[in-house]
Each structure stands twice: as structure tokens, then as C-alpha cells.
Protein backbone atom coordinates (compact mmCIF):
# COMPACT_ATOMS: atom_id res chain seq x y z
CA MET A 1 0.00 0.00 0.00
CA ASP A 2 1.44 3.31 -1.06
CA GLY A 3 -1.54 5.58 -0.38
CA ASP A 4 -1.88 6.39 -4.08
CA TYR A 5 -5.29 6.04 -5.78
CA GLY A 6 -3.66 4.95 -9.00
CA THR A 7 -4.70 2.88 -11.99
CA GLY A 8 -4.57 -0.40 -10.04
CA THR A 9 -6.99 0.95 -7.44
CA VAL A 10 -9.30 2.37 -10.11
CA GLU A 11 -9.42 -1.00 -11.88
CA ALA A 12 -10.06 -2.83 -8.59
CA VAL A 13 -12.93 -0.49 -7.69
CA LYS A 14 -14.41 -0.88 -11.20
CA TRP A 15 -14.29 -4.66 -10.75
CA LEU A 16 -16.03 -4.33 -7.37
CA GLN A 17 -18.68 -2.00 -8.81
CA ILE A 18 -19.49 -4.39 -11.67
CA ASN A 19 -19.08 -7.79 -10.00
CA ARG A 20 -20.25 -7.21 -6.45
CA LEU A 21 -22.28 -3.99 -6.26
CA ASN A 22 -24.28 -4.25 -9.53
CA LEU A 23 -23.28 -0.77 -10.65
CA ASP A 24 -22.54 -1.84 -14.24
CA GLY A 25 -23.80 1.34 -15.86
CA SER A 26 -21.94 3.63 -13.51
CA ALA A 27 -18.72 1.67 -12.95
CA ASP A 28 -16.19 4.49 -13.06
CA GLY A 29 -13.63 3.27 -10.53
CA ALA A 30 -14.36 6.14 -8.15
CA TYR A 31 -15.20 5.54 -4.49
CA GLY A 32 -18.10 7.97 -4.51
CA PRO A 33 -21.59 8.16 -3.00
CA GLN A 34 -23.12 5.30 -5.04
CA THR A 35 -20.30 2.88 -4.28
CA ARG A 36 -20.10 3.91 -0.63
CA GLY A 37 -23.88 3.56 -0.23
CA LYS A 38 -23.96 0.03 -1.66
CA MET A 39 -21.03 -1.36 0.28
CA ARG A 40 -21.71 -3.71 3.17
CA TRP A 41 -19.90 -2.92 6.38
CA PRO A 42 -19.47 -6.20 8.24
CA HIS A 43 -19.23 -7.02 11.90
CA TYR A 44 -15.94 -8.34 13.13
CA TYR A 45 -14.47 -9.66 16.35
CA ASP A 46 -11.59 -7.92 18.07
CA ARG A 47 -10.25 -9.70 21.13
CA GLY A 48 -13.59 -11.43 21.58
CA ALA A 49 -15.72 -8.26 21.39
CA LEU A 50 -18.19 -7.83 18.53
CA ASN A 51 -17.56 -4.63 16.58
CA SER A 52 -18.85 -3.29 13.30
CA CYS A 53 -17.39 -1.11 10.62
CA SER A 54 -19.17 2.17 9.99
CA ASN A 55 -20.39 3.17 6.56
CA PRO A 56 -18.94 6.68 6.13
CA SER A 57 -22.03 7.77 4.20
CA THR A 58 -24.15 7.34 7.33
CA LEU A 59 -21.91 9.30 9.69
């Protein structure tokens, strides 16, 4: 990870938009409102405690 939103990241986000989020018509590789709104934010366990990730669009 280099912190750069380069071509590899854009292609990965496009793949996610098309193959997992059903955003075929608007697959642009940008992590914008549509992508953020469709992403699932799972629960996870940290040292036995149940936590959940927050969807930034709901904060």
C-alpha cells in the first residue's frame, strides 16, 4: 500500500462495482456516494468483542 489512488486501485474499484455492487452502468472506478452507499460494512471480532465497521455515508 502506497496511499496512491492509481490505476490499479481504479481498476479494482471498477471490478467491485461491476461484479459485487451491480453498478454496471456507472462503474467508473471512483469511491463515490453510489459505491459507498452500496457497500456492506461487516461485523468483526476484536479480542472477543463484537464490533462493526461504519459506513462513512451514514456518519
